């Protein structure tokens, strides 16, 4: 590779980590796509036809110190391969979390629109293939064989091949249309999934766990592969994200969502989880301990955990983000008695 070939490694929280000045098939590709440089390496670029450059997935929204060690290693590898490397780092070109989320939703909406358009095109091709085959077949008497040696043989074989090609095209394009429509439907549901309060609760827990890992780095007792400057930058970014998602969760609560916690339960209460009422054995900080048992009925009492010979004394834990409802022991007793009374009256 000539030394005059210059690559530009740019990074900003708005655009992410990009590599310009190279093409998908040149000598830089194997270096940029390498994912096993070592335990501290997080690089693994992908080519973007839209951007006409290499990009690092999920690098948007982060500051350059997060990738400082990786960038240095990347520059060393590229220079050893004969490239001249120029760095352009701009940590001031930032987007706040709300702006970044709006950008994601806009990109997903555009993706859904594109997939729907492709699905419609594939469905039209499937219909055209079927019509083409049907138009040929409707002029052939049902069960008519190919008359070998007859003057019609060549045309009959040609028609059979065209019918086969048309039907295959119809089937293949129909399957393609179904796949694209399914992907479009998934993209259209992205916002609802991302802003589901239960998903937000799990996301906040994950962000807080990441923050604690970087705090341990600053305290000198962490094993996370980054330096102090990177940890400080990540903590600042995580604080912004945690604040944003807590605001979204508060908004969901104002709209009627119930965020369950240890304060809502005590041993003996019942929790509604995946269509069944389970008696609570213990209320923990992050989870509820319930009987571990396969049950076909609507209610599982804690005595069942010790009585079931298959799983004697076994228990299971349910996160508060999975809870659908609560009922006290007295309320459950009253509900069961009412159901038994109604059953006795209807069968009497």
C-alpha atoms as a PDB file:
ATOM      1  CA  UNK A   1       0.000   0.000   0.000  1.00  0.00           C
ATOM      2  CA  UNK A   2       1.500   3.400  -0.972  1.00  0.00           C
ATOM      3  CA  UNK A   3       2.427   5.621   1.908  1.00  0.00           C
ATOM      4  CA  UNK A   4       0.573   8.511   0.218  1.00  0.00           C
ATOM      5  CA  UNK A   5      -2.788   6.892   1.013  1.00  0.00           C
ATOM      6  CA  UNK A   6      -4.229   8.955   3.849  1.00  0.00           C
ATOM      7  CA  UNK A   7      -6.994   7.745   6.139  1.00  0.00           C
ATOM      8  CA  UNK A   8      -8.951   9.990   8.487  1.00  0.00           C
ATOM      9  CA  UNK A   9     -10.142   8.619  11.809  1.00  0.00           C
ATOM     10  CA  UNK A  10     -12.867  10.928  13.122  1.00  0.00           C
ATOM     11  CA  UNK A  11     -14.896  10.747  16.272  1.00  0.00           C
ATOM     12  CA  UNK A  12     -17.652  12.835  17.793  1.00  0.00           C
ATOM     13  CA  UNK A  13     -20.526  11.885  20.092  1.00  0.00           C
ATOM     14  CA  UNK A  14     -22.900  12.986  17.332  1.00  0.00           C
ATOM     15  CA  UNK A  15     -21.478  10.877  14.473  1.00  0.00           C
ATOM     16  CA  UNK A  16     -19.565   8.137  16.292  1.00  0.00           C
ATOM     17  CA  UNK A  17     -16.212   6.635  15.297  1.00  0.00           C
ATOM     18  CA  UNK A  18     -15.659   6.756  11.512  1.00  0.00           C
ATOM     19  CA  UNK A  19     -12.797   5.977   9.121  1.00  0.00           C
ATOM     20  CA  UNK A  20     -12.730   7.897   5.820  1.00  0.00           C
ATOM     21  CA  UNK A  21     -10.396   7.667   2.824  1.00  0.00           C
ATOM     22  CA  UNK A  22     -10.613   3.919   2.318  1.00  0.00           C
ATOM     23  CA  UNK A  23     -12.898   1.577   0.422  1.00  0.00           C
ATOM     24  CA  UNK A  24     -14.539  -1.676   1.377  1.00  0.00           C
ATOM     25  CA  UNK A  25     -12.137  -3.913  -0.522  1.00  0.00           C
ATOM     26  CA  UNK A  26      -8.705  -2.391   0.161  1.00  0.00           C
ATOM     27  CA  UNK A  27      -5.997  -3.397   2.625  1.00  0.00           C
ATOM     28  CA  UNK A  28      -7.544  -1.454   5.504  1.00  0.00           C
ATOM     29  CA  UNK A  29     -10.609  -3.711   5.568  1.00  0.00           C
ATOM     30  CA  UNK A  30      -9.046  -6.738   7.315  1.00  0.00           C
ATOM     31  CA  UNK A  31      -7.582  -4.426   9.974  1.00  0.00           C
ATOM     32  CA  UNK A  32     -10.801  -2.507  10.598  1.00  0.00           C
ATOM     33  CA  UNK A  33     -12.962  -5.618  10.805  1.00  0.00           C
ATOM     34  CA  UNK A  34     -10.636  -7.485  13.150  1.00  0.00           C
ATOM     35  CA  UNK A  35     -12.430  -8.269  16.413  1.00  0.00           C
ATOM     36  CA  UNK A  36      -9.808 -10.250  18.317  1.00  0.00           C
ATOM     37  CA  UNK A  37      -6.913  -7.887  18.944  1.00  0.00           C
ATOM     38  CA  UNK A  38      -6.951  -8.608  22.647  1.00  0.00           C
ATOM     39  CA  UNK A  39      -9.102  -8.564  25.784  1.00  0.00           C
ATOM     40  CA  UNK A  40      -9.182  -4.757  25.898  1.00  0.00           C
ATOM     41  CA  UNK A  41     -10.199  -4.201  22.272  1.00  0.00           C
ATOM     42  CA  UNK A  42     -13.776  -3.310  21.368  1.00  0.00           C
ATOM     43  CA  UNK A  43     -13.258  -2.496  17.691  1.00  0.00           C
ATOM     44  CA  UNK A  44     -15.010  -4.213  14.821  1.00  0.00           C
ATOM     45  CA  UNK A  45     -15.961  -1.789  12.070  1.00  0.00           C
ATOM     46  CA  UNK A  46     -18.675  -2.206   9.447  1.00  0.00           C
ATOM     47  CA  UNK A  47     -18.909  -0.660   6.010  1.00  0.00           C
ATOM     48  CA  UNK A  48     -21.702   1.845   5.308  1.00  0.00           C
ATOM     49  CA  UNK A  49     -22.727   2.422   1.711  1.00  0.00           C
ATOM     50  CA  UNK A  50     -24.802   5.367   2.904  1.00  0.00           C
ATOM     51  CA  UNK A  51     -21.858   7.104   4.613  1.00  0.00           C
ATOM     52  CA  UNK A  52     -19.273   5.710   2.158  1.00  0.00           C
ATOM     53  CA  UNK A  53     -16.904   4.936   5.025  1.00  0.00           C
ATOM     54  CA  UNK A  54     -16.279   2.490   7.860  1.00  0.00           C
ATOM     55  CA  UNK A  55     -18.162   3.023  11.131  1.00  0.00           C
ATOM     56  CA  UNK A  56     -18.025   1.490  14.595  1.00  0.00           C
ATOM     57  CA  UNK A  57     -21.482   0.265  15.679  1.00  0.00           C
ATOM     58  CA  UNK A  58     -22.891   1.809  18.874  1.00  0.00           C
ATOM     59  CA  UNK A  59     -20.165   4.456  19.062  1.00  0.00           C
ATOM     60  CA  UNK A  60     -22.584   7.351  18.876  1.00  0.00           C
ATOM     61  CA  UNK A  61     -23.309   9.155  22.120  1.00  0.00           C
ATOM     62  CA  UNK A  62     -19.882   8.391  23.621  1.00  0.00           C
ATOM     63  CA  UNK A  63     -16.832  10.585  24.007  1.00  0.00           C
ATOM     64  CA  UNK A  64     -13.471   9.777  22.496  1.00  0.00           C
ATOM     65  CA  UNK A  65     -11.743   8.720  25.750  1.00  0.00           C
ATOM     66  CA  UNK A  66     -13.916   5.591  25.699  1.00  0.00           C
ATOM     67  CA  UNK A  67     -12.077   4.510  22.534  1.00  0.00           C
ATOM     68  CA  UNK A  68      -8.683   6.119  23.205  1.00  0.00           C
ATOM     69  CA  UNK A  69      -6.772   2.868  23.692  1.00  0.00           C
ATOM     70  CA  UNK A  70      -8.473   1.293  20.689  1.00  0.00           C
ATOM     71  CA  UNK A  71      -7.835   4.309  18.448  1.00  0.00           C
ATOM     72  CA  UNK A  72      -4.141   4.298  19.327  1.00  0.00           C
ATOM     73  CA  UNK A  73      -3.896   0.596  18.544  1.00  0.00           C
ATOM     74  CA  UNK A  74      -5.822   1.070  15.294  1.00  0.00           C
ATOM     75  CA  UNK A  75      -3.496   3.866  14.168  1.00  0.00           C
ATOM     76  CA  UNK A  76      -0.469   1.671  14.869  1.00  0.00           C
ATOM     77  CA  UNK A  77      -1.933  -1.178  12.806  1.00  0.00           C
ATOM     78  CA  UNK A  78      -2.867   1.059   9.870  1.00  0.00           C
ATOM     79  CA  UNK A  79       0.501   2.829   9.796  1.00  0.00           C
ATOM     80  CA  UNK A  80       2.252  -0.532   9.849  1.00  0.00           C
ATOM     81  CA  UNK A  81       0.199  -1.442   6.764  1.00  0.00           C
ATOM     82  CA  UNK A  82       1.517   1.659   4.947  1.00  0.00           C
ATOM     83  CA  UNK A  83      -1.296   4.136   5.519  1.00  0.00           C
ATOM     84  CA  UNK A  84      -0.930   7.709   6.684  1.00  0.00           C
ATOM     85  CA  UNK A  85      -3.463   8.321   9.434  1.00  0.00           C
ATOM     86  CA  UNK A  86      -4.982  11.665  10.434  1.00  0.00           C
ATOM     87  CA  UNK A  87      -7.045  12.052  13.619  1.00  0.00           C
ATOM     88  CA  UNK A  88     -10.059  14.359  13.957  1.00  0.00           C
ATOM     89  CA  UNK A  89     -11.571  14.288  17.433  1.00  0.00           C
ATOM     90  CA  UNK A  90     -14.441  16.606  18.389  1.00  0.00           C
ATOM     91  CA  UNK A  91     -15.972  15.868  21.768  1.00  0.00           C
ATOM     92  CA  UNK A  92     -17.955  19.120  21.707  1.00  0.00           C
ATOM     93  CA  UNK A  93     -20.260  18.016  18.883  1.00  0.00           C
ATOM     94  CA  UNK A  94     -22.622  16.349  21.293  1.00  0.00           C
ATOM     95  CA  UNK A  95     -26.289  15.480  21.293  1.00  0.00           C
ATOM     96  CA  UNK A  96     -28.241  15.274  24.505  1.00  0.00           C
ATOM     97  CA  UNK A  97     -30.040  12.029  25.236  1.00  0.00           C
ATOM     98  CA  UNK A  98     -33.430  13.331  24.088  1.00  0.00           C
ATOM     99  CA  UNK A  99     -31.996  14.439  20.750  1.00  0.00           C
ATOM    100  CA  UNK A 100     -30.233  11.109  20.289  1.00  0.00           C
ATOM    101  CA  UNK A 101     -33.464   9.225  21.023  1.00  0.00           C
ATOM    102  CA  UNK A 102     -35.377  11.335  18.506  1.00  0.00           C
ATOM    103  CA  UNK A 103     -32.706  10.538  15.943  1.00  0.00           C
ATOM    104  CA  UNK A 104     -33.078   6.813  16.616  1.00  0.00           C
ATOM    105  CA  UNK A 105     -36.847   6.965  16.244  1.00  0.00           C
ATOM    106  CA  UNK A 106     -36.538   8.886  12.971  1.00  0.00           C
ATOM    107  CA  UNK A 107     -34.070   6.352  11.582  1.00  0.00           C
ATOM    108  CA  UNK A 108     -36.257   3.416  12.614  1.00  0.00           C
ATOM    109  CA  UNK A 109     -39.331   5.066  11.063  1.00  0.00           C
ATOM    110  CA  UNK A 110     -37.415   5.600   7.819  1.00  0.00           C
ATOM    111  CA  UNK A 111     -36.318   1.959   7.974  1.00  0.00           C
ATOM    112  CA  UNK A 112     -39.912   0.805   8.480  1.00  0.00           C
ATOM    113  CA  UNK A 113     -41.083   2.906   5.521  1.00  0.00           C
ATOM    114  CA  UNK A 114     -38.340   1.467   3.329  1.00  0.00           C
ATOM    115  CA  UNK A 115     -39.140  -2.100   4.353  1.00  0.00           C
ATOM    116  CA  UNK A 116     -42.845  -1.576   3.684  1.00  0.00           C
ATOM    117  CA  UNK A 117     -42.018  -0.202   0.244  1.00  0.00           C
ATOM    118  CA  UNK A 118     -39.804  -3.203  -0.534  1.00  0.00           C
ATOM    119  CA  UNK A 119     -42.471  -5.575   0.802  1.00  0.00           C
ATOM    120  CA  UNK A 120     -45.056  -3.990  -1.502  1.00  0.00           C
ATOM    121  CA  UNK A 121     -42.704  -4.298  -4.471  1.00  0.00           C
ATOM    122  CA  UNK A 122     -42.038  -7.971  -3.712  1.00  0.00           C
ATOM    123  CA  UNK A 123     -45.774  -8.642  -3.316  1.00  0.00           C
ATOM    124  CA  UNK A 124     -46.408  -7.004  -6.706  1.00  0.00           C
ATOM    125  CA  UNK A 125     -43.722  -9.188  -8.315  1.00  0.00           C
ATOM    126  CA  UNK A 126     -45.254 -12.271  -6.691  1.00  0.00           C
ATOM    127  CA  UNK A 127     -48.654 -11.381  -8.109  1.00  0.00           C
ATOM    128  CA  UNK A 128     -47.141 -10.710 -11.531  1.00  0.00           C
ATOM    129  CA  UNK A 129     -45.383 -14.090 -11.542  1.00  0.00           C
ATOM    130  CA  UNK A 130     -48.611 -15.887 -10.652  1.00  0.00           C
ATOM    131  CA  UNK A 131     -50.595 -14.040 -13.318  1.00  0.00           C
ATOM    132  CA  UNK A 132     -47.953 -14.768 -15.943  1.00  0.00           C
ATOM    133  CA  UNK A 133     -48.008 -18.499 -15.161  1.00  0.00           C
ATOM    134  CA  UNK A 134     -51.811 -18.549 -14.975  1.00  0.00           C
ATOM    135  CA  UNK A 135     -52.244 -16.829 -18.329  1.00  0.00           C
ATOM    136  CA  UNK A 136     -50.148 -19.520 -20.018  1.00  0.00           C
ATOM    137  CA  UNK A 137     -51.719 -22.415 -18.123  1.00  0.00           C
ATOM    138  CA  UNK A 138     -55.334 -21.396 -18.811  1.00  0.00           C
ATOM    139  CA  UNK A 139     -54.884 -22.152 -22.521  1.00  0.00           C
ATOM    140  CA  UNK A 140     -53.652 -25.692 -21.856  1.00  0.00           C
ATOM    141  CA  UNK A 141     -56.324 -28.354 -21.293  1.00  0.00           C
ATOM    142  CA  UNK A 142     -56.144 -29.892 -17.779  1.00  0.00           C
ATOM    143  CA  UNK A 143     -53.996 -33.040 -17.774  1.00  0.00           C
ATOM    144  CA  UNK A 144     -52.719 -32.418 -21.305  1.00  0.00           C
ATOM    145  CA  UNK A 145     -49.349 -34.220 -21.617  1.00  0.00           C
ATOM    146  CA  UNK A 146     -46.458 -33.098 -23.772  1.00  0.00           C
ATOM    147  CA  UNK A 147     -46.795 -34.908 -27.095  1.00  0.00           C
ATOM    148  CA  UNK A 148     -43.294 -36.154 -27.801  1.00  0.00           C
ATOM    149  CA  UNK A 149     -42.466 -35.901 -31.514  1.00  0.00           C
ATOM    150  CA  UNK A 150     -45.469 -33.734 -32.274  1.00  0.00           C
ATOM    151  CA  UNK A 151     -44.955 -30.271 -33.766  1.00  0.00           C
ATOM    152  CA  UNK A 152     -46.355 -28.807 -30.519  1.00  0.00           C
ATOM    153  CA  UNK A 153     -43.661 -30.394 -28.339  1.00  0.00           C
ATOM    154  CA  UNK A 154     -41.216 -27.468 -28.435  1.00  0.00           C
ATOM    155  CA  UNK A 155     -43.880 -24.928 -27.543  1.00  0.00           C
ATOM    156  CA  UNK A 156     -45.327 -27.182 -24.844  1.00  0.00           C
ATOM    157  CA  UNK A 157     -41.943 -27.553 -23.178  1.00  0.00           C
ATOM    158  CA  UNK A 158     -41.342 -23.812 -23.404  1.00  0.00           C
ATOM    159  CA  UNK A 159     -44.734 -23.105 -21.842  1.00  0.00           C
ATOM    160  CA  UNK A 160     -44.062 -25.624 -19.051  1.00  0.00           C
ATOM    161  CA  UNK A 161     -40.727 -23.941 -18.295  1.00  0.00           C
ATOM    162  CA  UNK A 162     -42.375 -20.490 -18.274  1.00  0.00           C
ATOM    163  CA  UNK A 163     -45.151 -21.699 -15.960  1.00  0.00           C
ATOM    164  CA  UNK A 164     -42.571 -23.233 -13.623  1.00  0.00           C
ATOM    165  CA  UNK A 165     -40.474 -20.047 -13.634  1.00  0.00           C
ATOM    166  CA  UNK A 166     -43.527 -17.870 -13.011  1.00  0.00           C
ATOM    167  CA  UNK A 167     -44.750 -19.971 -10.084  1.00  0.00           C
ATOM    168  CA  UNK A 168     -41.286 -20.152  -8.548  1.00  0.00           C
ATOM    169  CA  UNK A 169     -40.982 -16.381  -8.844  1.00  0.00           C
ATOM    170  CA  UNK A 170     -44.415 -15.952  -7.280  1.00  0.00           C
ATOM    171  CA  UNK A 171     -43.514 -18.207  -4.346  1.00  0.00           C
ATOM    172  CA  UNK A 172     -40.053 -16.711  -3.785  1.00  0.00           C
ATOM    173  CA  UNK A 173     -41.265 -13.107  -4.010  1.00  0.00           C
ATOM    174  CA  UNK A 174     -44.216 -13.934  -1.763  1.00  0.00           C
ATOM    175  CA  UNK A 175     -41.899 -15.296   0.918  1.00  0.00           C
ATOM    176  CA  UNK A 176     -39.656 -12.240   0.522  1.00  0.00           C
ATOM    177  CA  UNK A 177     -42.653  -9.930   0.894  1.00  0.00           C
ATOM    178  CA  UNK A 178     -43.716 -11.731   4.075  1.00  0.00           C
ATOM    179  CA  UNK A 179     -40.214 -11.457   5.574  1.00  0.00           C
ATOM    180  CA  UNK A 180     -39.960  -7.763   4.728  1.00  0.00           C
ATOM    181  CA  UNK A 181     -43.433  -7.059   6.103  1.00  0.00           C
ATOM    182  CA  UNK A 182     -42.503  -8.829   9.334  1.00  0.00           C
ATOM    183  CA  UNK A 183     -39.328  -6.758   9.656  1.00  0.00           C
ATOM    184  CA  UNK A 184     -41.293  -3.582   8.937  1.00  0.00           C
ATOM    185  CA  UNK A 185     -43.848  -4.462  11.609  1.00  0.00           C
ATOM    186  CA  UNK A 186     -41.024  -5.048  14.097  1.00  0.00           C
ATOM    187  CA  UNK A 187     -39.496  -1.656  13.228  1.00  0.00           C
ATOM    188  CA  UNK A 188     -42.872   0.037  13.654  1.00  0.00           C
ATOM    189  CA  UNK A 189     -43.119  -1.392  17.171  1.00  0.00           C
ATOM    190  CA  UNK A 190     -39.646  -0.152  18.131  1.00  0.00           C
ATOM    191  CA  UNK A 191     -40.825   2.978  19.947  1.00  0.00           C
ATOM    192  CA  UNK A 192     -43.437   1.089  21.969  1.00  0.00           C
ATOM    193  CA  UNK A 193     -40.866  -1.508  22.996  1.00  0.00           C
ATOM    194  CA  UNK A 194     -38.139   1.004  23.820  1.00  0.00           C
ATOM    195  CA  UNK A 195     -40.408   3.181  25.943  1.00  0.00           C
ATOM    196  CA  UNK A 196     -42.174   0.318  27.679  1.00  0.00           C
ATOM    197  CA  UNK A 197     -41.908   1.203  31.395  1.00  0.00           C
ATOM    198  CA  UNK A 198     -40.803  -2.311  32.327  1.00  0.00           C
ATOM    199  CA  UNK A 199     -38.042  -2.163  29.713  1.00  0.00           C
ATOM    200  CA  UNK A 200     -37.029   1.262  31.016  1.00  0.00           C
ATOM    201  CA  UNK A 201     -36.727  -0.163  34.549  1.00  0.00           C
ATOM    202  CA  UNK A 202     -34.349  -2.856  33.314  1.00  0.00           C
ATOM    203  CA  UNK A 203     -32.419  -0.300  31.270  1.00  0.00           C
ATOM    204  CA  UNK A 204     -31.932   1.932  34.301  1.00  0.00           C
ATOM    205  CA  UNK A 205     -30.668  -1.022  36.340  1.00  0.00           C
ATOM    206  CA  UNK A 206     -28.156  -1.821  33.585  1.00  0.00           C
ATOM    207  CA  UNK A 207     -26.983   1.798  33.311  1.00  0.00           C
ATOM    208  CA  UNK A 208     -26.561   2.048  37.083  1.00  0.00           C
ATOM    209  CA  UNK A 209     -24.564  -1.191  37.125  1.00  0.00           C
ATOM    210  CA  UNK A 210     -22.293   0.188  34.374  1.00  0.00           C
ATOM    211  CA  UNK A 211     -21.833   3.391  36.344  1.00  0.00           C
ATOM    212  CA  UNK A 212     -20.808   1.463  39.447  1.00  0.00           C
ATOM    213  CA  UNK A 213     -18.201  -0.400  37.365  1.00  0.00           C
ATOM    214  CA  UNK A 214     -16.627   2.881  36.209  1.00  0.00           C
ATOM    215  CA  UNK A 215     -16.735   4.300  39.733  1.00  0.00           C
ATOM    216  CA  UNK A 216     -14.724   1.289  40.888  1.00  0.00           C
ATOM    217  CA  UNK A 217     -12.138   2.166  38.221  1.00  0.00           C
ATOM    218  CA  UNK A 218     -11.812   5.681  39.678  1.00  0.00           C
ATOM    219  CA  UNK A 219     -11.457   4.199  43.144  1.00  0.00           C
ATOM    220  CA  UNK A 220      -8.643   1.959  41.945  1.00  0.00           C
ATOM    221  CA  UNK A 221     -10.424  -1.308  42.632  1.00  0.00           C
ATOM    222  CA  UNK A 222     -12.064  -2.049  39.307  1.00  0.00           C
ATOM    223  CA  UNK A 223     -11.032  -4.511  36.629  1.00  0.00           C
ATOM    224  CA  UNK A 224     -12.869  -2.761  33.801  1.00  0.00           C
ATOM    225  CA  UNK A 225     -10.496  -2.284  30.818  1.00  0.00           C
ATOM    226  CA  UNK A 226     -10.224   1.522  30.617  1.00  0.00           C
ATOM    227  CA  UNK A 227      -8.188   4.383  32.020  1.00  0.00           C
ATOM    228  CA  UNK A 228      -9.259   7.106  34.434  1.00  0.00           C
ATOM    229  CA  UNK A 229     -10.099   9.659  31.759  1.00  0.00           C
ATOM    230  CA  UNK A 230     -12.297   7.176  29.931  1.00  0.00           C
ATOM    231  CA  UNK A 231     -14.086   6.265  33.155  1.00  0.00           C
ATOM    232  CA  UNK A 232     -14.825   9.916  33.950  1.00  0.00           C
ATOM    233  CA  UNK A 233     -16.224  10.498  30.459  1.00  0.00           C
ATOM    234  CA  UNK A 234     -18.389   7.393  30.659  1.00  0.00           C
ATOM    235  CA  UNK A 235     -19.759   8.317  34.087  1.00  0.00           C
ATOM    236  CA  UNK A 236     -20.821  11.716  32.775  1.00  0.00           C
ATOM    237  CA  UNK A 237     -22.549  10.104  29.791  1.00  0.00           C
ATOM    238  CA  UNK A 238     -24.240   7.486  31.972  1.00  0.00           C
ATOM    239  CA  UNK A 239     -25.482  10.143  34.398  1.00  0.00           C
ATOM    240  CA  UNK A 240     -27.202  11.936  31.519  1.00  0.00           C
ATOM    241  CA  UNK A 241     -28.794   8.715  30.307  1.00  0.00           C
ATOM    242  CA  UNK A 242     -29.959   7.655  33.770  1.00  0.00           C
ATOM    243  CA  UNK A 243     -31.524  11.073  34.345  1.00  0.00           C
ATOM    244  CA  UNK A 244     -33.362  10.943  31.021  1.00  0.00           C
ATOM    245  CA  UNK A 245     -34.776   7.449  31.523  1.00  0.00           C
ATOM    246  CA  UNK A 246     -35.809   8.192  35.099  1.00  0.00           C
ATOM    247  CA  UNK A 247     -37.793  11.132  33.743  1.00  0.00           C
ATOM    248  CA  UNK A 248     -39.467   8.831  31.214  1.00  0.00           C
ATOM    249  CA  UNK A 249     -40.329   6.357  33.965  1.00  0.00           C
ATOM    250  CA  UNK A 250     -41.777   9.153  36.129  1.00  0.00           C
ATOM    251  CA  UNK A 251     -43.889  10.249  33.174  1.00  0.00           C
ATOM    252  CA  UNK A 252     -45.174   6.685  32.740  1.00  0.00           C
ATOM    253  CA  UNK A 253     -46.109   6.575  36.435  1.00  0.00           C
ATOM    254  CA  UNK A 254     -48.013   9.833  36.045  1.00  0.00           C
ATOM    255  CA  UNK A 255     -49.957   8.137  33.249  1.00  0.00           C
ATOM    256  CA  UNK A 256     -50.951   5.207  35.467  1.00  0.00           C
ATOM    257  CA  UNK A 257     -48.027   2.786  35.406  1.00  0.00           C
ATOM    258  CA  UNK A 258     -47.317   1.149  38.771  1.00  0.00           C
ATOM    259  CA  UNK A 259     -43.665   0.658  39.664  1.00  0.00           C
ATOM    260  CA  UNK A 260     -43.544  -2.151  42.193  1.00  0.00           C
ATOM    261  CA  UNK A 261     -40.864  -2.406  44.866  1.00  0.00           C
ATOM    262  CA  UNK A 262     -40.022  -4.215  48.084  1.00  0.00           C
ATOM    263  CA  UNK A 263     -42.179  -1.754  50.026  1.00  0.00           C
ATOM    264  CA  UNK A 264     -45.315  -3.083  48.291  1.00  0.00           C
ATOM    265  CA  UNK A 265     -44.909  -6.728  49.376  1.00  0.00           C
ATOM    266  CA  UNK A 266     -44.416  -8.859  52.443  1.00  0.00           C
ATOM    267  CA  UNK A 267     -44.229 -12.595  52.980  1.00  0.00           C
ATOM    268  CA  UNK A 268     -47.649 -14.166  52.499  1.00  0.00           C
ATOM    269  CA  UNK A 269     -48.884 -11.679  49.897  1.00  0.00           C
ATOM    270  CA  UNK A 270     -49.682 -12.793  46.366  1.00  0.00           C
ATOM    271  CA  UNK A 271     -48.042 -11.484  43.206  1.00  0.00           C
ATOM    272  CA  UNK A 272     -49.517 -11.747  39.713  1.00  0.00           C
ATOM    273  CA  UNK A 273     -46.827 -12.959  37.344  1.00  0.00           C
ATOM    274  CA  UNK A 274     -47.327 -14.357  33.838  1.00  0.00           C
ATOM    275  CA  UNK A 275     -51.019 -15.044  34.266  1.00  0.00           C
ATOM    276  CA  UNK A 276     -50.762 -16.784  37.640  1.00  0.00           C
ATOM    277  CA  UNK A 277     -51.003 -15.641  41.268  1.00  0.00           C
ATOM    278  CA  UNK A 278     -47.982 -16.757  43.294  1.00  0.00           C
ATOM    279  CA  UNK A 279     -47.679 -16.478  47.065  1.00  0.00           C
ATOM    280  CA  UNK A 280     -44.655 -14.486  48.123  1.00  0.00           C
ATOM    281  CA  UNK A 281     -42.145 -16.359  50.252  1.00  0.00           C
ATOM    282  CA  UNK A 282     -39.782 -13.404  50.673  1.00  0.00           C
ATOM    283  CA  UNK A 283     -39.560  -9.800  49.435  1.00  0.00           C
ATOM    284  CA  UNK A 284     -36.000  -8.905  48.421  1.00  0.00           C
ATOM    285  CA  UNK A 285     -34.464  -5.611  47.320  1.00  0.00           C
ATOM    286  CA  UNK A 286     -34.676  -6.405  43.597  1.00  0.00           C
ATOM    287  CA  UNK A 287     -36.831  -9.538  43.398  1.00  0.00           C
ATOM    288  CA  UNK A 288     -39.628 -11.537  44.980  1.00  0.00           C
ATOM    289  CA  UNK A 289     -39.045 -15.145  46.037  1.00  0.00           C
ATOM    290  CA  UNK A 290     -41.966 -17.386  45.009  1.00  0.00           C
ATOM    291  CA  UNK A 291     -42.540 -21.171  44.867  1.00  0.00           C
ATOM    292  CA  UNK A 292     -40.761 -22.932  42.033  1.00  0.00           C
ATOM    293  CA  UNK A 293     -43.460 -25.205  40.681  1.00  0.00           C
ATOM    294  CA  UNK A 294     -45.256 -26.022  37.448  1.00  0.00           C
ATOM    295  CA  UNK A 295     -48.917 -25.361  38.103  1.00  0.00           C
ATOM    296  CA  UNK A 296     -52.017 -25.456  35.906  1.00  0.00           C
ATOM    297  CA  UNK A 297     -54.203 -23.561  38.370  1.00  0.00           C
ATOM    298  CA  UNK A 298     -54.586 -19.792  38.733  1.00  0.00           C
ATOM    299  CA  UNK A 299     -53.044 -19.667  42.244  1.00  0.00           C
ATOM    300  CA  UNK A 300     -49.860 -21.199  43.683  1.00  0.00           C
ATOM    301  CA  UNK A 301     -49.522 -21.206  47.473  1.00  0.00           C
ATOM    302  CA  UNK A 302     -46.129 -21.294  49.162  1.00  0.00           C
ATOM    303  CA  UNK A 303     -46.932 -24.661  50.742  1.00  0.00           C
ATOM    304  CA  UNK A 304     -46.824 -26.124  47.240  1.00  0.00           C
ATOM    305  CA  UNK A 305     -43.059 -25.566  47.092  1.00  0.00           C
ATOM    306  CA  UNK A 306     -42.470 -28.040  49.918  1.00  0.00           C
ATOM    307  CA  UNK A 307     -45.270 -30.453  49.017  1.00  0.00           C
ATOM    308  CA  UNK A 308     -44.259 -31.017  45.395  1.00  0.00           C
ATOM    309  CA  UNK A 309     -42.094 -34.134  45.326  1.00  0.00           C
ATOM    310  CA  UNK A 310     -40.453 -33.027  42.077  1.00  0.00           C
ATOM    311  CA  UNK A 311     -39.094 -29.748  43.462  1.00  0.00           C
ATOM    312  CA  UNK A 312     -39.195 -29.984  47.277  1.00  0.00           C
ATOM    313  CA  UNK A 313     -38.527 -26.591  48.790  1.00  0.00           C
ATOM    314  CA  UNK A 314     -37.363 -25.073  45.505  1.00  0.00           C
ATOM    315  CA  UNK A 315     -38.014 -21.398  44.910  1.00  0.00           C
ATOM    316  CA  UNK A 316     -37.902 -18.942  42.027  1.00  0.00           C
ATOM    317  CA  UNK A 317     -37.201 -15.210  41.839  1.00  0.00           C
ATOM    318  CA  UNK A 318     -39.276 -12.633  39.989  1.00  0.00           C
ATOM    319  CA  UNK A 319     -38.016  -9.140  39.247  1.00  0.00           C
ATOM    320  CA  UNK A 320     -40.273  -6.231  40.183  1.00  0.00           C
ATOM    321  CA  UNK A 321     -40.279  -5.170  36.524  1.00  0.00           C
ATOM    322  CA  UNK A 322     -42.183  -8.420  35.760  1.00  0.00           C
ATOM    323  CA  UNK A 323     -44.926  -7.902  38.356  1.00  0.00           C
ATOM    324  CA  UNK A 324     -48.474  -7.366  37.052  1.00  0.00           C
ATOM    325  CA  UNK A 325     -50.384  -7.030  40.321  1.00  0.00           C
ATOM    326  CA  UNK A 326     -50.562  -7.605  44.077  1.00  0.00           C
ATOM    327  CA  UNK A 327     -53.084  -9.078  46.479  1.00  0.00           C
ATOM    328  CA  UNK A 328     -52.880  -9.547  50.229  1.00  0.00           C
ATOM    329  CA  UNK A 329     -53.420 -12.940  51.854  1.00  0.00           C
ATOM    330  CA  UNK A 330     -56.837 -11.845  53.169  1.00  0.00           C
ATOM    331  CA  UNK A 331     -57.884 -10.584  49.750  1.00  0.00           C
ATOM    332  CA  UNK A 332     -56.819 -13.847  48.133  1.00  0.00           C
ATOM    333  CA  UNK A 333     -58.693 -15.892  50.749  1.00  0.00           C
ATOM    334  CA  UNK A 334     -61.842 -13.836  50.132  1.00  0.00           C
ATOM    335  CA  UNK A 335     -61.452 -14.220  46.368  1.00  0.00           C
ATOM    336  CA  UNK A 336     -61.052 -18.016  46.603  1.00  0.00           C
ATOM    337  CA  UNK A 337     -64.056 -18.336  48.963  1.00  0.00           C
ATOM    338  CA  UNK A 338     -66.198 -16.232  46.625  1.00  0.00           C
ATOM    339  CA  UNK A 339     -65.163 -18.357  43.639  1.00  0.00           C
ATOM    340  CA  UNK A 340     -65.941 -21.591  45.540  1.00  0.00           C
ATOM    341  CA  UNK A 341     -69.345 -20.242  46.622  1.00  0.00           C
ATOM    342  CA  UNK A 342     -70.232 -19.237  43.075  1.00  0.00           C
ATOM    343  CA  UNK A 343     -69.149 -22.654  41.804  1.00  0.00           C
ATOM    344  CA  UNK A 344     -71.297 -24.415  44.416  1.00  0.00           C
ATOM    345  CA  UNK A 345     -74.325 -22.321  43.503  1.00  0.00           C
ATOM    346  CA  UNK A 346     -73.981 -22.962  39.783  1.00  0.00           C
ATOM    347  CA  UNK A 347     -73.535 -26.718  40.206  1.00  0.00           C
ATOM    348  CA  UNK A 348     -76.279 -27.172  42.795  1.00  0.00           C
END
